[in-house]
Amino acid sequence: MPRRMGRPGLIGTMAHTAVVAGTATAVAGGVNRRQQARAQSKEEEAQRAAWQQQQYEQQQQQAPAPEAAPAAPEAAPAANDLTAQLQQLSSLKTAGVISEAEFSAAKAKLLGI
């Protein structure tokens, strides 16, 4: 039987359509999975940041409020308290509880910058 030249036959067209449709479905599925993974990652990051902020606020509430220094000799313990708070922030950052940006913001707040 001689080979037919020109346009593809019915079976050839159906096979071509099936390949195109299958490829489109696979690509669309991959894109959807990637978008869902990114959305889930962002949501988890937002939840983690909210949890860290909540933990930080609880620690700030539990820390005793610094008292006003009535005389010059009392200034040294206030400096020690500030140093202790900075060390606590540093340990939180090292442990990964707060980010570099959160650490910088809290440090600036403590130092009054």
N, C-alpha and C. Protein backbone atom coordinates (compact mmCIF):
# COMPACT_ATOMS: atom_id res chain seq x y z
N MET A 1 0.84 -1.16 0.00
CA MET A 1 0.00 0.00 0.00
C MET A 1 0.89 1.23 0.00
N PRO A 2 0.67 2.14 -0.89
CA PRO A 2 1.52 3.32 -0.97
C PRO A 2 1.26 4.28 0.19
N ARG A 3 2.32 4.96 0.59
CA ARG A 3 2.24 5.91 1.72
C ARG A 3 1.52 7.16 1.24
N ARG A 4 0.61 7.63 2.05
CA ARG A 4 -0.19 8.79 1.70
C ARG A 4 0.57 10.05 2.06
N MET A 5 0.59 11.01 1.20
CA MET A 5 1.28 12.27 1.41
C MET A 5 0.24 13.37 1.60
N GLY A 6 0.60 14.39 2.33
CA GLY A 6 -0.33 15.51 2.49
C GLY A 6 -0.86 15.59 3.91
N ARG A 7 -2.12 15.89 4.03
CA ARG A 7 -2.75 16.08 5.33
C ARG A 7 -2.83 14.75 6.08
N PRO A 8 -2.75 14.82 7.42
CA PRO A 8 -2.84 13.59 8.19
C PRO A 8 -4.26 13.05 8.16
N GLY A 9 -4.36 11.77 8.35
CA GLY A 9 -5.66 11.14 8.36
C GLY A 9 -6.36 11.35 9.70
N LEU A 10 -7.49 10.75 9.86
CA LEU A 10 -8.29 10.90 11.06
C LEU A 10 -7.54 10.41 12.30
N ILE A 11 -6.90 9.28 12.21
CA ILE A 11 -6.17 8.73 13.35
C ILE A 11 -4.98 9.62 13.69
N GLY A 12 -4.29 10.12 12.69
CA GLY A 12 -3.15 11.01 12.93
C GLY A 12 -3.59 12.29 13.61
N THR A 13 -4.69 12.85 13.19
CA THR A 13 -5.21 14.07 13.80
C THR A 13 -5.62 13.82 15.25
N MET A 14 -6.28 12.71 15.50
CA MET A 14 -6.69 12.37 16.86
C MET A 14 -5.48 12.17 17.76
N ALA A 15 -4.46 11.52 17.26
CA ALA A 15 -3.25 11.29 18.05
C ALA A 15 -2.57 12.62 18.37
N HIS A 16 -2.49 13.49 17.40
CA HIS A 16 -1.88 14.82 17.60
C HIS A 16 -2.67 15.60 18.64
N THR A 17 -3.98 15.60 18.56
CA THR A 17 -4.83 16.30 19.51
C THR A 17 -4.65 15.73 20.92
N ALA A 18 -4.55 14.42 21.02
CA ALA A 18 -4.37 13.79 22.33
C ALA A 18 -3.04 14.19 22.96
N VAL A 19 -2.00 14.27 22.16
CA VAL A 19 -0.68 14.67 22.67
C VAL A 19 -0.73 16.11 23.15
N VAL A 20 -1.33 16.99 22.36
CA VAL A 20 -1.41 18.41 22.74
C VAL A 20 -2.24 18.57 24.01
N ALA A 21 -3.38 17.89 24.08
CA ALA A 21 -4.23 18.00 25.26
C ALA A 21 -3.54 17.43 26.50
N GLY A 22 -2.85 16.32 26.35
CA GLY A 22 -2.14 15.73 27.48
C GLY A 22 -1.03 16.63 27.98
N THR A 23 -0.30 17.24 27.06
CA THR A 23 0.77 18.17 27.44
C THR A 23 0.19 19.37 28.16
N ALA A 24 -0.88 19.93 27.65
CA ALA A 24 -1.51 21.09 28.28
C ALA A 24 -2.00 20.76 29.68
N THR A 25 -2.57 19.59 29.85
CA THR A 25 -3.04 19.18 31.17
C THR A 25 -1.88 19.02 32.15
N ALA A 26 -0.81 18.43 31.70
CA ALA A 26 0.36 18.23 32.56
C ALA A 26 0.97 19.57 32.96
N VAL A 27 1.09 20.49 32.02
CA VAL A 27 1.67 21.81 32.32
C VAL A 27 0.77 22.57 33.29
N ALA A 28 -0.54 22.56 33.02
CA ALA A 28 -1.47 23.26 33.91
C ALA A 28 -1.44 22.67 35.31
N GLY A 29 -1.36 21.35 35.42
CA GLY A 29 -1.28 20.72 36.74
C GLY A 29 -0.02 21.13 37.49
N GLY A 30 1.09 21.19 36.78
CA GLY A 30 2.35 21.60 37.41
C GLY A 30 2.30 23.04 37.89
N VAL A 31 1.73 23.91 37.07
CA VAL A 31 1.60 25.32 37.46
C VAL A 31 0.71 25.45 38.69
N ASN A 32 -0.41 24.73 38.70
CA ASN A 32 -1.32 24.79 39.85
C ASN A 32 -0.65 24.30 41.12
N ARG A 33 0.09 23.20 41.03
CA ARG A 33 0.79 22.68 42.21
C ARG A 33 1.82 23.67 42.73
N ARG A 34 2.55 24.30 41.82
CA ARG A 34 3.57 25.28 42.23
C ARG A 34 2.91 26.48 42.89
N GLN A 35 1.81 26.97 42.33
CA GLN A 35 1.11 28.11 42.92
C GLN A 35 0.56 27.76 44.30
N GLN A 36 0.01 26.58 44.45
CA GLN A 36 -0.51 26.17 45.74
C GLN A 36 0.60 26.04 46.77
N ALA A 37 1.74 25.51 46.35
CA ALA A 37 2.87 25.37 47.28
C ALA A 37 3.37 26.75 47.72
N ARG A 38 3.44 27.69 46.79
CA ARG A 38 3.88 29.04 47.15
C ARG A 38 2.89 29.70 48.09
N ALA A 39 1.60 29.56 47.82
CA ALA A 39 0.58 30.15 48.68
C ALA A 39 0.64 29.54 50.08
N GLN A 40 0.82 28.23 50.15
CA GLN A 40 0.90 27.57 51.44
C GLN A 40 2.16 28.02 52.19
N SER A 41 3.25 28.17 51.47
CA SER A 41 4.50 28.61 52.09
C SER A 41 4.34 30.02 52.66
N LYS A 42 3.70 30.90 51.90
CA LYS A 42 3.50 32.27 52.38
C LYS A 42 2.58 32.28 53.60
N GLU A 43 1.55 31.44 53.58
CA GLU A 43 0.62 31.38 54.71
C GLU A 43 1.34 30.86 55.96
N GLU A 44 2.17 29.83 55.79
CA GLU A 44 2.92 29.30 56.94
C GLU A 44 3.89 30.35 57.48
N GLU A 45 4.52 31.10 56.58
CA GLU A 45 5.45 32.15 57.00
C GLU A 45 4.70 33.24 57.77
N ALA A 46 3.51 33.61 57.30
CA ALA A 46 2.72 34.62 57.99
C ALA A 46 2.31 34.13 59.38
N GLN A 47 1.92 32.86 59.48
CA GLN A 47 1.55 32.30 60.77
C GLN A 47 2.74 32.25 61.71
N ARG A 48 3.90 31.89 61.18
CA ARG A 48 5.11 31.84 62.01
C ARG A 48 5.48 33.23 62.50
N ALA A 49 5.37 34.23 61.63
CA ALA A 49 5.69 35.61 62.02
C ALA A 49 4.71 36.10 63.08
N ALA A 50 3.43 35.77 62.95
CA ALA A 50 2.44 36.18 63.94
C ALA A 50 2.73 35.50 65.28
N TRP A 51 3.11 34.22 65.23
CA TRP A 51 3.42 33.52 66.46
C TRP A 51 4.65 34.13 67.14
N GLN A 52 5.67 34.46 66.34
CA GLN A 52 6.88 35.05 66.89
C GLN A 52 6.58 36.41 67.51
N GLN A 53 5.75 37.20 66.83
CA GLN A 53 5.38 38.52 67.36
C GLN A 53 4.63 38.35 68.68
N GLN A 54 3.74 37.38 68.75
CA GLN A 54 2.99 37.12 69.96
C GLN A 54 3.93 36.71 71.10
N GLN A 55 4.90 35.84 70.81
CA GLN A 55 5.86 35.42 71.82
C GLN A 55 6.69 36.60 72.30
N TYR A 56 7.11 37.45 71.37
CA TYR A 56 7.90 38.62 71.72
C TYR A 56 7.10 39.55 72.62
N GLU A 57 5.82 39.78 72.27
CA GLU A 57 4.98 40.67 73.08
C GLU A 57 4.76 40.08 74.48
N GLN A 58 4.60 38.77 74.57
CA GLN A 58 4.43 38.14 75.88
C GLN A 58 5.69 38.31 76.72
N GLN A 59 6.84 38.18 76.10
CA GLN A 59 8.09 38.35 76.83
C GLN A 59 8.25 39.80 77.29
N GLN A 60 7.82 40.73 76.46
CA GLN A 60 7.91 42.14 76.84
C GLN A 60 6.96 42.46 78.00
N GLN A 61 5.79 41.80 78.01
CA GLN A 61 4.84 42.03 79.09
C GLN A 61 5.33 41.40 80.39
N GLN A 62 6.00 40.28 80.28
CA GLN A 62 6.50 39.59 81.47
C GLN A 62 7.72 40.30 82.06
N ALA A 63 8.46 41.00 81.23
CA ALA A 63 9.65 41.70 81.72
C ALA A 63 9.19 42.85 82.61
N PRO A 64 9.86 43.06 83.73
CA PRO A 64 9.46 44.15 84.63
C PRO A 64 9.69 45.50 83.95
N ALA A 65 8.75 46.39 84.20
CA ALA A 65 8.87 47.73 83.61
C ALA A 65 10.04 48.45 84.28
N PRO A 66 10.91 49.09 83.49
CA PRO A 66 12.03 49.81 84.09
C PRO A 66 11.52 50.99 84.91
N GLU A 67 12.02 51.08 86.13
CA GLU A 67 11.61 52.16 87.03
C GLU A 67 12.46 53.39 86.74
N ALA A 68 11.87 54.55 87.01
CA ALA A 68 12.60 55.80 86.83
C ALA A 68 13.71 55.88 87.88
N ALA A 69 14.90 56.25 87.45
CA ALA A 69 16.05 56.33 88.36
C ALA A 69 15.99 57.65 89.13
N PRO A 70 15.80 57.61 90.47
CA PRO A 70 15.71 58.84 91.24
C PRO A 70 17.08 59.51 91.44
N ALA A 71 18.15 58.73 91.43
CA ALA A 71 19.46 59.29 91.69
C ALA A 71 20.46 58.68 90.71
N ALA A 72 21.63 59.27 90.62
CA ALA A 72 22.67 58.81 89.70
C ALA A 72 23.14 57.39 90.01
N PRO A 73 23.30 56.97 91.27
CA PRO A 73 23.77 55.61 91.51
C PRO A 73 22.81 54.54 90.96
N GLU A 74 21.54 54.83 90.82
CA GLU A 74 20.59 53.86 90.30
C GLU A 74 20.70 53.69 88.79
N ALA A 75 21.45 54.52 88.11
CA ALA A 75 21.57 54.46 86.65
C ALA A 75 22.28 53.18 86.21
N ALA A 76 23.21 52.67 86.98
CA ALA A 76 23.95 51.47 86.61
C ALA A 76 23.03 50.25 86.46
N PRO A 77 22.09 49.97 87.37
CA PRO A 77 21.20 48.82 87.17
C PRO A 77 20.32 48.98 85.93
N ALA A 78 19.91 50.20 85.60
CA ALA A 78 19.10 50.41 84.40
C ALA A 78 19.92 50.05 83.16
N ALA A 79 21.20 50.38 83.15
CA ALA A 79 22.06 50.02 82.03
C ALA A 79 22.20 48.50 81.95
N ASN A 80 22.30 47.87 83.11
CA ASN A 80 22.38 46.41 83.13
C ASN A 80 21.08 45.80 82.61
N ASP A 81 19.94 46.42 82.95
CA ASP A 81 18.65 45.93 82.47
C ASP A 81 18.59 46.06 80.95
N LEU A 82 19.07 47.16 80.41
CA LEU A 82 19.09 47.36 78.96
C LEU A 82 20.01 46.34 78.30
N THR A 83 21.15 46.09 78.92
CA THR A 83 22.07 45.09 78.40
C THR A 83 21.43 43.70 78.42
N ALA A 84 20.72 43.40 79.49
CA ALA A 84 20.05 42.10 79.59
C ALA A 84 18.98 41.96 78.52
N GLN A 85 18.24 43.02 78.27
CA GLN A 85 17.21 42.97 77.23
C GLN A 85 17.84 42.80 75.85
N LEU A 86 18.94 43.49 75.61
CA LEU A 86 19.63 43.34 74.32
C LEU A 86 20.17 41.92 74.16
N GLN A 87 20.70 41.36 75.24
CA GLN A 87 21.19 39.99 75.18
C GLN A 87 20.05 39.01 74.94
N GLN A 88 18.89 39.28 75.54
CA GLN A 88 17.73 38.42 75.32
C GLN A 88 17.28 38.49 73.86
N LEU A 89 17.25 39.70 73.30
CA LEU A 89 16.90 39.84 71.88
C LEU A 89 17.90 39.11 71.00
N SER A 90 19.17 39.23 71.34
CA SER A 90 20.20 38.55 70.56
C SER A 90 20.03 37.04 70.61
N SER A 91 19.70 36.52 71.79
CA SER A 91 19.51 35.07 71.90
C SER A 91 18.27 34.62 71.12
N LEU A 92 17.22 35.45 71.09
CA LEU A 92 16.04 35.12 70.30
C LEU A 92 16.38 35.08 68.81
N LYS A 93 17.20 36.03 68.37
CA LYS A 93 17.59 36.07 66.96
C LYS A 93 18.46 34.87 66.62
N THR A 94 19.38 34.54 67.51
CA THR A 94 20.26 33.39 67.28
C THR A 94 19.47 32.08 67.23
N ALA A 95 18.43 31.98 68.07
CA ALA A 95 17.60 30.78 68.10
C ALA A 95 16.66 30.71 66.90
N GLY A 96 16.56 31.81 66.15
CA GLY A 96 15.69 31.81 64.98
C GLY A 96 14.25 32.16 65.29
N VAL A 97 13.99 32.64 66.50
CA VAL A 97 12.63 33.00 66.87
C VAL A 97 12.22 34.31 66.20
N ILE A 98 13.17 35.25 66.11
CA ILE A 98 12.88 36.52 65.44
C ILE A 98 13.87 36.70 64.29
N SER A 99 13.44 37.46 63.30
CA SER A 99 14.28 37.68 62.13
C SER A 99 15.23 38.85 62.39
N GLU A 100 16.14 39.07 61.44
CA GLU A 100 17.10 40.17 61.54
C GLU A 100 16.37 41.51 61.58
N ALA A 101 15.32 41.65 60.77
CA ALA A 101 14.57 42.90 60.73
C ALA A 101 13.85 43.15 62.06
N GLU A 102 13.26 42.10 62.63
CA GLU A 102 12.58 42.24 63.91
C GLU A 102 13.58 42.57 65.01
N PHE A 103 14.75 41.95 64.94
CA PHE A 103 15.79 42.23 65.93
C PHE A 103 16.21 43.69 65.86
N SER A 104 16.44 44.18 64.63
CA SER A 104 16.86 45.57 64.47
C SER A 104 15.81 46.54 64.97
N ALA A 105 14.54 46.25 64.69
CA ALA A 105 13.45 47.13 65.13
C ALA A 105 13.35 47.15 66.65
N ALA A 106 13.44 45.99 67.28
CA ALA A 106 13.35 45.92 68.73
C ALA A 106 14.55 46.59 69.40
N LYS A 107 15.71 46.43 68.80
CA LYS A 107 16.93 47.05 69.34
C LYS A 107 16.81 48.56 69.26
N ALA A 108 16.32 49.06 68.14
CA ALA A 108 16.16 50.52 67.97
C ALA A 108 15.15 51.04 68.98
N LYS A 109 14.09 50.26 69.23
CA LYS A 109 13.07 50.68 70.20
C LYS A 109 13.66 50.75 71.61
N LEU A 110 14.47 49.77 71.96
CA LEU A 110 15.09 49.76 73.29
C LEU A 110 16.07 50.91 73.47
N LEU A 111 16.82 51.19 72.41
CA LEU A 111 17.83 52.24 72.50
C LEU A 111 17.25 53.63 72.30
N GLY A 112 15.97 53.68 71.90
CA GLY A 112 15.32 54.97 71.71
C GLY A 112 15.74 55.68 70.44
N ILE A 113 16.09 54.90 69.45
CA ILE A 113 16.56 55.48 68.17
C ILE A 113 15.37 55.68 67.27
